[in-house]
N, C-alpha and C. Protein backbone atom coordinates (compact mmCIF):
# COMPACT_ATOMS: atom_id res chain seq x y z
N MET A 1 -7.90 25.38 17.36
CA MET A 1 -8.90 24.75 16.54
C MET A 1 -9.32 25.76 15.47
N SER A 2 -9.43 25.29 14.23
CA SER A 2 -9.79 26.22 13.17
C SER A 2 -11.26 26.61 13.26
N GLU A 3 -11.60 27.65 12.57
CA GLU A 3 -12.97 28.17 12.59
C GLU A 3 -13.98 27.11 12.14
N ILE A 4 -13.64 26.34 11.13
CA ILE A 4 -14.59 25.37 10.58
C ILE A 4 -14.85 24.21 11.55
N THR A 5 -13.86 23.81 12.31
CA THR A 5 -14.05 22.67 13.20
C THR A 5 -14.71 23.04 14.52
N ARG A 6 -14.97 24.31 14.74
CA ARG A 6 -15.67 24.74 15.96
C ARG A 6 -17.16 24.45 15.88
N HIS A 7 -17.68 24.30 14.68
CA HIS A 7 -19.10 24.07 14.50
C HIS A 7 -19.37 22.57 14.44
N ARG A 8 -20.30 22.14 15.25
CA ARG A 8 -20.61 20.70 15.39
C ARG A 8 -20.98 20.08 14.04
N GLY A 9 -21.80 20.76 13.27
CA GLY A 9 -22.23 20.25 11.96
C GLY A 9 -21.06 20.06 11.02
N CYS A 10 -20.14 21.00 11.03
CA CYS A 10 -18.96 20.90 10.17
C CYS A 10 -18.07 19.74 10.59
N ARG A 11 -17.95 19.54 11.90
CA ARG A 11 -17.15 18.41 12.38
C ARG A 11 -17.74 17.09 11.92
N GLN A 12 -19.05 16.99 11.95
CA GLN A 12 -19.70 15.76 11.51
C GLN A 12 -19.50 15.53 10.02
N VAL A 13 -19.61 16.59 9.24
CA VAL A 13 -19.39 16.48 7.79
C VAL A 13 -17.95 16.06 7.52
N LEU A 14 -17.01 16.69 8.20
CA LEU A 14 -15.60 16.33 8.01
C LEU A 14 -15.33 14.88 8.40
N ALA A 15 -15.93 14.42 9.49
CA ALA A 15 -15.75 13.03 9.92
C ALA A 15 -16.33 12.08 8.88
N THR A 16 -17.47 12.45 8.32
CA THR A 16 -18.10 11.63 7.28
C THR A 16 -17.23 11.55 6.03
N ILE A 17 -16.61 12.65 5.68
CA ILE A 17 -15.73 12.69 4.50
C ILE A 17 -14.44 11.90 4.78
N LYS A 18 -13.91 12.03 5.98
CA LYS A 18 -12.64 11.39 6.30
C LYS A 18 -12.72 9.88 6.33
N GLN A 19 -13.84 9.33 6.75
CA GLN A 19 -13.95 7.88 6.90
C GLN A 19 -13.67 7.12 5.59
N PRO A 20 -14.32 7.44 4.47
CA PRO A 20 -14.03 6.69 3.24
C PRO A 20 -12.61 6.94 2.73
N ILE A 21 -12.08 8.12 3.00
CA ILE A 21 -10.70 8.41 2.59
C ILE A 21 -9.74 7.51 3.37
N GLU A 22 -9.93 7.41 4.67
CA GLU A 22 -9.06 6.57 5.49
C GLU A 22 -9.21 5.10 5.12
N THR A 23 -10.43 4.68 4.80
CA THR A 23 -10.66 3.29 4.37
C THR A 23 -9.92 3.03 3.06
N SER A 24 -10.00 3.95 2.13
CA SER A 24 -9.30 3.81 0.85
C SER A 24 -7.79 3.77 1.04
N GLN A 25 -7.29 4.60 1.93
CA GLN A 25 -5.85 4.61 2.20
C GLN A 25 -5.41 3.27 2.77
N SER A 26 -6.19 2.72 3.68
CA SER A 26 -5.86 1.42 4.27
C SER A 26 -5.86 0.33 3.22
N ARG A 27 -6.87 0.34 2.35
CA ARG A 27 -6.94 -0.66 1.28
C ARG A 27 -5.75 -0.54 0.34
N ALA A 28 -5.35 0.69 0.04
CA ALA A 28 -4.20 0.90 -0.85
C ALA A 28 -2.92 0.37 -0.21
N VAL A 29 -2.74 0.61 1.07
CA VAL A 29 -1.56 0.10 1.77
C VAL A 29 -1.54 -1.42 1.75
N LEU A 30 -2.68 -2.04 2.01
CA LEU A 30 -2.75 -3.50 1.99
C LEU A 30 -2.46 -4.05 0.60
N ALA A 31 -2.96 -3.40 -0.44
CA ALA A 31 -2.71 -3.85 -1.81
C ALA A 31 -1.23 -3.74 -2.17
N VAL A 32 -0.61 -2.65 -1.79
CA VAL A 32 0.83 -2.47 -2.06
C VAL A 32 1.64 -3.51 -1.31
N ASN A 33 1.31 -3.74 -0.04
CA ASN A 33 2.03 -4.74 0.74
C ASN A 33 1.88 -6.12 0.13
N ALA A 34 0.68 -6.48 -0.32
CA ALA A 34 0.46 -7.79 -0.94
C ALA A 34 1.29 -7.92 -2.21
N GLU A 35 1.35 -6.86 -2.99
CA GLU A 35 2.14 -6.89 -4.22
C GLU A 35 3.63 -7.03 -3.91
N LEU A 36 4.09 -6.32 -2.90
CA LEU A 36 5.50 -6.41 -2.53
C LEU A 36 5.87 -7.81 -2.05
N LEU A 37 4.96 -8.47 -1.36
CA LEU A 37 5.22 -9.83 -0.88
C LEU A 37 5.33 -10.82 -2.03
N ASN A 38 4.75 -10.51 -3.18
CA ASN A 38 4.81 -11.40 -4.34
C ASN A 38 6.05 -11.18 -5.20
N GLN A 39 6.85 -10.19 -4.86
CA GLN A 39 8.05 -9.89 -5.63
C GLN A 39 9.22 -10.76 -5.15
N PRO A 40 10.11 -11.12 -6.08
CA PRO A 40 11.27 -11.91 -5.65
C PRO A 40 12.19 -11.08 -4.75
N THR A 41 12.84 -11.76 -3.84
CA THR A 41 13.77 -11.08 -2.94
C THR A 41 15.11 -10.87 -3.66
N VAL A 42 15.95 -10.04 -3.10
CA VAL A 42 17.27 -9.80 -3.66
C VAL A 42 18.05 -11.11 -3.72
N ALA A 43 17.93 -11.93 -2.68
CA ALA A 43 18.64 -13.21 -2.65
C ALA A 43 18.17 -14.12 -3.79
N GLU A 44 16.86 -14.15 -4.03
CA GLU A 44 16.33 -14.98 -5.12
C GLU A 44 16.81 -14.49 -6.48
N ILE A 45 16.87 -13.19 -6.66
CA ILE A 45 17.35 -12.62 -7.92
C ILE A 45 18.83 -12.97 -8.12
N LYS A 46 19.63 -12.87 -7.05
CA LYS A 46 21.05 -13.21 -7.14
C LYS A 46 21.23 -14.67 -7.54
N ILE A 47 20.42 -15.55 -6.99
CA ILE A 47 20.51 -16.97 -7.34
C ILE A 47 20.18 -17.17 -8.81
N GLU A 48 19.12 -16.54 -9.27
CA GLU A 48 18.74 -16.66 -10.67
C GLU A 48 19.83 -16.10 -11.59
N LEU A 49 20.43 -14.99 -11.20
CA LEU A 49 21.53 -14.42 -11.99
C LEU A 49 22.72 -15.37 -12.02
N ALA A 50 23.03 -15.97 -10.89
CA ALA A 50 24.15 -16.91 -10.81
C ALA A 50 23.91 -18.15 -11.67
N GLN A 51 22.64 -18.51 -11.83
CA GLN A 51 22.28 -19.68 -12.64
C GLN A 51 22.20 -19.34 -14.13
N GLY A 52 22.41 -18.08 -14.45
CA GLY A 52 22.42 -17.66 -15.85
C GLY A 52 21.04 -17.41 -16.43
N ASN A 53 20.07 -17.15 -15.60
CA ASN A 53 18.71 -16.92 -16.10
C ASN A 53 18.40 -15.43 -16.28
N GLY A 54 19.36 -14.60 -16.14
CA GLY A 54 19.15 -13.17 -16.32
C GLY A 54 18.25 -12.53 -15.29
N GLY A 55 18.14 -13.16 -14.14
CA GLY A 55 17.31 -12.61 -13.07
C GLY A 55 15.84 -12.94 -13.21
N ILE A 56 15.50 -13.75 -14.22
CA ILE A 56 14.11 -14.14 -14.40
C ILE A 56 13.88 -15.46 -13.68
N PRO A 57 12.96 -15.48 -12.72
CA PRO A 57 12.72 -16.71 -11.96
C PRO A 57 12.26 -17.84 -12.88
N SER A 58 12.79 -19.00 -12.64
CA SER A 58 12.38 -20.17 -13.42
C SER A 58 11.05 -20.68 -12.88
N ASN A 59 10.42 -21.52 -13.65
CA ASN A 59 9.11 -22.07 -13.26
C ASN A 59 9.24 -23.40 -12.54
N ASP A 60 10.39 -23.66 -11.99
CA ASP A 60 10.62 -24.94 -11.29
C ASP A 60 9.81 -25.03 -10.03
């Protein structure tokens, strides 16, 4: 255990600092996952390319 974490007050301060950081990290992961789910799949892109749309999804 490092010198700073041996002191109860320091541990509490570190825990207080870590909580919003971990919350922000979780929110960032969820945002990235949501964005990835909105992206076309490789199969969808291949279909669009085969249809001659240049890989751009149609609005059908």
